[in-house]
Amino acid sequence: MATIQSKITFLALLFLAFTQVSFSQEGTVTVEQDSDIDKLLEYKKDIKTVNLYKIQIYSGTRSGAENSKRNFLNTYSEWPVSMEFDSPNTKIWVGNFRSRLEADKALLKIKRKYANAFIFEPKKDKKK
């Protein structure tokens, strides 16, 4: 008798579960957003596709790179400077120039003290 009772209870619960699912409500969600959000999203896309140029002023040992960076910052303070490790060398990179023309103008000034300096485009990160 207990097995028939448990089967009836199971079937009743199963029936209730299906009736809940079959009578669930449907609806439509409408999202209203400011038009400035679309403009910001377009701007963000443009930023990701900007080609930045940098100037390399040194490639060698870490101690040489630290000296080069310190000396550069004493002479030129208008551009950001970063030290990048690219095995086996440490490199000093200058600037985040948005155009080749802007980088060329900076290179003319920088070459007065760093004759081997050159412009390049850093490789794009594939993560972004």
N, C-alpha and C. Protein backbone atom coordinates (compact mmCIF):
# COMPACT_ATOMS: atom_id res chain seq x y z
N MET A 1 0.81 -1.18 0.00
CA MET A 1 0.00 0.00 0.00
C MET A 1 0.87 1.27 0.00
N ALA A 2 2.00 1.19 0.69
CA ALA A 2 2.86 2.35 0.78
C ALA A 2 3.44 2.73 -0.58
N THR A 3 3.67 1.76 -1.39
CA THR A 3 4.23 2.07 -2.70
C THR A 3 3.21 2.76 -3.60
N ILE A 4 1.93 2.37 -3.49
CA ILE A 4 0.90 3.04 -4.28
C ILE A 4 0.73 4.47 -3.79
N GLN A 5 0.77 4.66 -2.48
CA GLN A 5 0.65 6.00 -1.89
C GLN A 5 1.82 6.89 -2.35
N SER A 6 3.03 6.35 -2.37
CA SER A 6 4.19 7.14 -2.78
C SER A 6 4.14 7.46 -4.27
N LYS A 7 3.61 6.53 -5.08
CA LYS A 7 3.45 6.79 -6.51
C LYS A 7 2.44 7.89 -6.76
N ILE A 8 1.33 7.87 -6.02
CA ILE A 8 0.31 8.92 -6.17
C ILE A 8 0.88 10.26 -5.76
N THR A 9 1.63 10.30 -4.66
CA THR A 9 2.25 11.56 -4.20
C THR A 9 3.24 12.07 -5.24
N PHE A 10 4.06 11.18 -5.80
CA PHE A 10 5.03 11.56 -6.82
C PHE A 10 4.33 12.13 -8.06
N LEU A 11 3.25 11.45 -8.50
CA LEU A 11 2.52 11.91 -9.68
C LEU A 11 1.85 13.26 -9.41
N ALA A 12 1.34 13.45 -8.21
CA ALA A 12 0.71 14.73 -7.87
C ALA A 12 1.74 15.86 -7.89
N LEU A 13 2.92 15.62 -7.33
CA LEU A 13 3.98 16.64 -7.35
C LEU A 13 4.46 16.91 -8.77
N LEU A 14 4.56 15.88 -9.56
CA LEU A 14 4.95 16.04 -10.95
C LEU A 14 3.93 16.87 -11.72
N PHE A 15 2.67 16.59 -11.49
CA PHE A 15 1.59 17.35 -12.12
C PHE A 15 1.64 18.83 -11.73
N LEU A 16 1.86 19.11 -10.43
CA LEU A 16 1.96 20.49 -9.96
C LEU A 16 3.15 21.21 -10.59
N ALA A 17 4.25 20.51 -10.73
CA ALA A 17 5.44 21.13 -11.32
C ALA A 17 5.18 21.51 -12.77
N PHE A 18 4.56 20.61 -13.54
CA PHE A 18 4.28 20.91 -14.94
C PHE A 18 3.24 22.01 -15.11
N THR A 19 2.25 22.08 -14.22
CA THR A 19 1.25 23.15 -14.33
C THR A 19 1.87 24.49 -14.03
N GLN A 20 2.85 24.54 -13.12
CA GLN A 20 3.53 25.80 -12.82
C GLN A 20 4.33 26.27 -14.03
N VAL A 21 4.99 25.33 -14.69
CA VAL A 21 5.81 25.68 -15.85
C VAL A 21 4.92 26.10 -17.01
N SER A 22 3.84 25.40 -17.24
CA SER A 22 3.01 25.69 -18.40
C SER A 22 2.23 26.98 -18.27
N PHE A 23 2.00 27.46 -17.05
CA PHE A 23 1.26 28.70 -16.85
C PHE A 23 2.16 29.87 -16.50
N SER A 24 3.46 29.75 -16.73
CA SER A 24 4.35 30.86 -16.42
C SER A 24 4.08 32.02 -17.38
N GLN A 25 4.43 33.21 -16.91
CA GLN A 25 4.12 34.42 -17.67
C GLN A 25 5.23 34.72 -18.67
N GLU A 26 4.83 35.34 -19.74
CA GLU A 26 5.79 35.80 -20.73
C GLU A 26 5.71 37.32 -20.78
N GLY A 27 6.83 37.97 -21.13
CA GLY A 27 6.82 39.42 -21.20
C GLY A 27 7.93 39.93 -22.09
N THR A 28 7.90 41.21 -22.31
CA THR A 28 8.92 41.87 -23.11
C THR A 28 9.58 42.93 -22.26
N VAL A 29 10.91 42.98 -22.31
CA VAL A 29 11.66 43.98 -21.57
C VAL A 29 12.14 45.03 -22.55
N THR A 30 11.89 46.28 -22.25
CA THR A 30 12.34 47.39 -23.08
C THR A 30 13.34 48.20 -22.27
N VAL A 31 14.53 48.40 -22.83
CA VAL A 31 15.56 49.18 -22.16
C VAL A 31 15.63 50.54 -22.81
N GLU A 32 15.46 51.56 -22.00
CA GLU A 32 15.60 52.93 -22.51
C GLU A 32 16.91 53.48 -21.97
N GLN A 33 17.74 53.99 -22.89
CA GLN A 33 19.01 54.55 -22.46
C GLN A 33 19.26 55.85 -23.18
N ASP A 34 20.08 56.65 -22.55
CA ASP A 34 20.44 57.95 -23.08
C ASP A 34 21.24 57.76 -24.37
N SER A 35 21.05 58.62 -25.34
CA SER A 35 21.77 58.51 -26.62
C SER A 35 23.28 58.73 -26.44
N ASP A 36 23.66 59.39 -25.34
CA ASP A 36 25.09 59.60 -25.09
C ASP A 36 25.82 58.29 -24.84
N ILE A 37 25.13 57.28 -24.37
CA ILE A 37 25.77 55.98 -24.13
C ILE A 37 26.24 55.39 -25.46
N ASP A 38 25.41 55.50 -26.50
CA ASP A 38 25.84 55.02 -27.82
C ASP A 38 27.06 55.77 -28.32
N LYS A 39 27.09 57.08 -28.08
CA LYS A 39 28.25 57.88 -28.49
C LYS A 39 29.50 57.42 -27.74
N LEU A 40 29.37 57.15 -26.45
CA LEU A 40 30.51 56.69 -25.66
C LEU A 40 31.02 55.33 -26.14
N LEU A 41 30.12 54.46 -26.49
CA LEU A 41 30.52 53.15 -27.00
C LEU A 41 31.28 53.28 -28.32
N GLU A 42 30.82 54.17 -29.19
CA GLU A 42 31.53 54.41 -30.45
C GLU A 42 32.92 55.00 -30.18
N TYR A 43 32.98 55.93 -29.22
CA TYR A 43 34.25 56.54 -28.87
C TYR A 43 35.22 55.48 -28.34
N LYS A 44 34.71 54.57 -27.52
CA LYS A 44 35.56 53.52 -26.97
C LYS A 44 36.11 52.64 -28.08
N LYS A 45 35.29 52.32 -29.07
CA LYS A 45 35.77 51.52 -30.21
C LYS A 45 36.90 52.25 -30.93
N ASP A 46 36.73 53.58 -31.10
CA ASP A 46 37.75 54.37 -31.78
C ASP A 46 39.06 54.36 -31.00
N ILE A 47 38.98 54.41 -29.69
CA ILE A 47 40.19 54.43 -28.86
C ILE A 47 40.97 53.14 -29.03
N LYS A 48 40.28 52.01 -29.11
CA LYS A 48 40.96 50.73 -29.25
C LYS A 48 41.70 50.63 -30.58
N THR A 49 41.24 51.32 -31.61
CA THR A 49 41.86 51.19 -32.92
C THR A 49 42.91 52.27 -33.18
N VAL A 50 43.19 53.12 -32.22
CA VAL A 50 44.19 54.17 -32.40
C VAL A 50 45.58 53.54 -32.43
N ASN A 51 46.36 53.93 -33.40
CA ASN A 51 47.75 53.49 -33.47
C ASN A 51 48.60 54.46 -32.68
N LEU A 52 49.25 53.96 -31.67
CA LEU A 52 50.14 54.80 -30.88
C LEU A 52 51.58 54.54 -31.31
N TYR A 53 52.35 55.61 -31.28
CA TYR A 53 53.76 55.50 -31.63
C TYR A 53 54.58 55.78 -30.38
N LYS A 54 55.72 55.14 -30.30
CA LYS A 54 56.66 55.36 -29.20
C LYS A 54 58.04 55.56 -29.80
N ILE A 55 58.93 56.07 -28.98
CA ILE A 55 60.32 56.25 -29.38
C ILE A 55 61.17 55.42 -28.43
N GLN A 56 62.01 54.58 -29.00
CA GLN A 56 62.93 53.81 -28.17
C GLN A 56 64.25 54.55 -28.12
N ILE A 57 64.75 54.79 -26.89
CA ILE A 57 66.01 55.52 -26.75
C ILE A 57 67.14 54.64 -26.25
N TYR A 58 66.78 53.44 -25.71
CA TYR A 58 67.83 52.58 -25.16
C TYR A 58 67.39 51.12 -25.21
N SER A 59 68.35 50.22 -25.42
CA SER A 59 68.13 48.78 -25.32
C SER A 59 69.45 48.17 -24.85
N GLY A 60 69.41 47.53 -23.70
CA GLY A 60 70.64 46.94 -23.16
C GLY A 60 70.40 46.41 -21.76
N THR A 61 71.42 46.59 -20.91
CA THR A 61 71.35 46.07 -19.54
C THR A 61 70.36 46.87 -18.70
N ARG A 62 69.91 46.25 -17.61
CA ARG A 62 68.96 46.93 -16.72
C ARG A 62 69.59 48.18 -16.09
N SER A 63 70.84 48.06 -15.65
CA SER A 63 71.48 49.23 -15.02
C SER A 63 71.65 50.35 -16.03
N GLY A 64 72.01 50.01 -17.26
CA GLY A 64 72.12 51.02 -18.32
C GLY A 64 70.78 51.66 -18.61
N ALA A 65 69.71 50.84 -18.58
CA ALA A 65 68.37 51.37 -18.82
C ALA A 65 67.94 52.33 -17.71
N GLU A 66 68.26 51.97 -16.47
CA GLU A 66 67.91 52.86 -15.35
C GLU A 66 68.64 54.19 -15.47
N ASN A 67 69.92 54.14 -15.83
CA ASN A 67 70.69 55.39 -16.02
C ASN A 67 70.13 56.21 -17.17
N SER A 68 69.81 55.53 -18.26
CA SER A 68 69.27 56.22 -19.43
C SER A 68 67.93 56.89 -19.11
N LYS A 69 67.09 56.19 -18.39
CA LYS A 69 65.78 56.74 -18.01
C LYS A 69 65.96 57.96 -17.11
N ARG A 70 66.83 57.85 -16.13
CA ARG A 70 67.09 58.97 -15.21
C ARG A 70 67.62 60.19 -15.96
N ASN A 71 68.58 59.95 -16.85
CA ASN A 71 69.16 61.06 -17.63
C ASN A 71 68.13 61.68 -18.56
N PHE A 72 67.31 60.83 -19.18
CA PHE A 72 66.28 61.34 -20.08
C PHE A 72 65.30 62.25 -19.33
N LEU A 73 64.84 61.77 -18.17
CA LEU A 73 63.87 62.56 -17.39
C LEU A 73 64.47 63.88 -16.90
N ASN A 74 65.78 63.93 -16.69
CA ASN A 74 66.43 65.19 -16.30
C ASN A 74 66.44 66.19 -17.45
N THR A 75 66.50 65.69 -18.68
CA THR A 75 66.57 66.55 -19.86
C THR A 75 65.19 66.86 -20.43
N TYR A 76 64.34 65.84 -20.54
CA TYR A 76 63.02 65.98 -21.16
C TYR A 76 61.96 65.52 -20.15
N SER A 77 61.06 66.39 -19.81
CA SER A 77 60.02 66.00 -18.84
C SER A 77 58.63 66.01 -19.46
N GLU A 78 58.54 66.35 -20.75
CA GLU A 78 57.21 66.49 -21.36
C GLU A 78 56.58 65.19 -21.84
N TRP A 79 57.34 64.08 -21.85
CA TRP A 79 56.80 62.81 -22.34
C TRP A 79 56.91 61.73 -21.27
N PRO A 80 55.95 60.81 -21.24
CA PRO A 80 56.06 59.69 -20.30
C PRO A 80 57.16 58.73 -20.73
N VAL A 81 57.81 58.11 -19.76
CA VAL A 81 58.90 57.19 -20.03
C VAL A 81 58.58 55.86 -19.35
N SER A 82 58.82 54.75 -20.07
CA SER A 82 58.61 53.44 -19.45
C SER A 82 59.82 52.55 -19.72
N MET A 83 60.05 51.65 -18.78
CA MET A 83 61.13 50.69 -18.91
C MET A 83 60.48 49.33 -19.17
N GLU A 84 60.82 48.70 -20.29
CA GLU A 84 60.21 47.44 -20.71
C GLU A 84 61.28 46.37 -20.81
N PHE A 85 60.98 45.20 -20.25
CA PHE A 85 61.92 44.08 -20.35
C PHE A 85 61.51 43.21 -21.52
N ASP A 86 62.42 43.02 -22.45
CA ASP A 86 62.22 42.16 -23.61
C ASP A 86 63.46 41.29 -23.71
N SER A 87 63.39 40.10 -23.15
CA SER A 87 64.53 39.23 -22.96
C SER A 87 65.45 39.21 -24.18
N PRO A 88 66.69 39.42 -24.03
CA PRO A 88 67.47 39.60 -22.81
C PRO A 88 67.72 41.08 -22.46
N ASN A 89 67.09 42.00 -23.15
CA ASN A 89 67.37 43.42 -22.98
C ASN A 89 66.27 44.15 -22.21
N THR A 90 66.68 45.24 -21.61
CA THR A 90 65.73 46.18 -21.02
C THR A 90 65.72 47.40 -21.92
N LYS A 91 64.50 47.86 -22.25
CA LYS A 91 64.37 48.96 -23.20
C LYS A 91 63.71 50.15 -22.54
N ILE A 92 64.09 51.34 -23.01
CA ILE A 92 63.45 52.57 -22.54
C ILE A 92 62.63 53.12 -23.69
N TRP A 93 61.33 53.25 -23.44
CA TRP A 93 60.39 53.76 -24.42
C TRP A 93 59.84 55.09 -23.94
N VAL A 94 59.69 56.00 -24.89
CA VAL A 94 59.23 57.35 -24.59
C VAL A 94 57.94 57.64 -25.34
N GLY A 95 56.99 58.26 -24.63
CA GLY A 95 55.79 58.80 -25.26
C GLY A 95 54.69 57.81 -25.55
N ASN A 96 53.55 58.40 -25.89
CA ASN A 96 52.37 57.73 -26.43
C ASN A 96 51.84 58.67 -27.50
N PHE A 97 52.51 58.72 -28.62
CA PHE A 97 52.19 59.69 -29.65
C PHE A 97 51.05 59.18 -30.52
N ARG A 98 50.03 60.01 -30.70
CA ARG A 98 48.83 59.60 -31.42
C ARG A 98 48.98 59.67 -32.94
N SER A 99 50.02 60.35 -33.41
CA SER A 99 50.24 60.40 -34.86
C SER A 99 51.74 60.29 -35.14
N ARG A 100 52.04 59.88 -36.34
CA ARG A 100 53.45 59.77 -36.74
C ARG A 100 54.10 61.15 -36.76
N LEU A 101 53.33 62.16 -37.15
CA LEU A 101 53.86 63.52 -37.19
C LEU A 101 54.27 63.99 -35.80
N GLU A 102 53.42 63.71 -34.82
CA GLU A 102 53.73 64.10 -33.44
C GLU A 102 55.00 63.38 -32.96
N ALA A 103 55.13 62.10 -33.31
CA ALA A 103 56.32 61.34 -32.93
C ALA A 103 57.57 61.87 -33.65
N ASP A 104 57.43 62.23 -34.92
CA ASP A 104 58.57 62.78 -35.67
C ASP A 104 59.08 64.07 -35.05
N LYS A 105 58.16 64.94 -34.63
CA LYS A 105 58.56 66.21 -34.00
C LYS A 105 59.34 65.95 -32.71
N ALA A 106 58.86 64.99 -31.91
CA ALA A 106 59.55 64.66 -30.67
C ALA A 106 60.91 64.04 -30.96
N LEU A 107 60.97 63.18 -31.99
CA LEU A 107 62.22 62.52 -32.33
C LEU A 107 63.30 63.53 -32.71
N LEU A 108 62.92 64.59 -33.40
CA LEU A 108 63.91 65.62 -33.76
C LEU A 108 64.58 66.19 -32.51
N LYS A 109 63.80 66.44 -31.47
CA LYS A 109 64.37 66.96 -30.21
C LYS A 109 65.20 65.89 -29.50
N ILE A 110 64.67 64.68 -29.45
CA ILE A 110 65.32 63.61 -28.69
C ILE A 110 66.64 63.19 -29.33
N LYS A 111 66.71 63.21 -30.66
CA LYS A 111 67.93 62.78 -31.36
C LYS A 111 69.14 63.68 -31.07
N ARG A 112 68.89 64.89 -30.56
CA ARG A 112 70.01 65.76 -30.20
C ARG A 112 70.88 65.11 -29.13
N LYS A 113 70.25 64.36 -28.22
CA LYS A 113 70.99 63.73 -27.14
C LYS A 113 71.08 62.20 -27.31
N TYR A 114 70.08 61.62 -27.97
CA TYR A 114 70.03 60.16 -28.17
C TYR A 114 70.02 59.87 -29.67
N ALA A 115 71.21 59.80 -30.24
CA ALA A 115 71.36 59.68 -31.70
C ALA A 115 70.76 58.40 -32.26
N ASN A 116 70.71 57.34 -31.47
CA ASN A 116 70.19 56.06 -31.96
C ASN A 116 68.70 55.88 -31.72
N ALA A 117 68.03 56.89 -31.26
CA ALA A 117 66.59 56.79 -30.99
C ALA A 117 65.83 56.58 -32.29
N PHE A 118 64.71 55.84 -32.18
CA PHE A 118 63.88 55.60 -33.36
C PHE A 118 62.42 55.43 -32.95
N ILE A 119 61.55 55.64 -33.94
CA ILE A 119 60.09 55.55 -33.72
C ILE A 119 59.64 54.14 -34.09
N PHE A 120 58.66 53.64 -33.33
CA PHE A 120 58.07 52.34 -33.65
C PHE A 120 56.64 52.30 -33.14
N GLU A 121 55.90 51.32 -33.62
CA GLU A 121 54.53 51.06 -33.14
C GLU A 121 54.58 49.79 -32.31
N PRO A 122 54.26 49.86 -31.02
CA PRO A 122 54.26 48.65 -30.20
C PRO A 122 53.24 47.64 -30.72
N LYS A 123 53.53 46.37 -30.53
CA LYS A 123 52.61 45.33 -30.93
C LYS A 123 51.33 45.44 -30.11
N LYS A 124 50.22 45.17 -30.75
CA LYS A 124 48.92 45.24 -30.09
C LYS A 124 48.75 44.01 -29.21
N ASP A 125 48.18 44.21 -28.01
CA ASP A 125 47.84 43.09 -27.14
C ASP A 125 46.66 42.35 -27.73
N LYS A 126 46.74 41.05 -27.78
CA LYS A 126 45.63 40.25 -28.29
C LYS A 126 44.57 40.02 -27.22
N LYS A 127 44.88 40.36 -25.96
CA LYS A 127 43.94 40.18 -24.86
C LYS A 127 42.78 41.15 -24.95
N LYS A 128 43.03 42.33 -25.48
CA LYS A 128 42.02 43.39 -25.45
C LYS A 128 41.01 43.25 -26.54
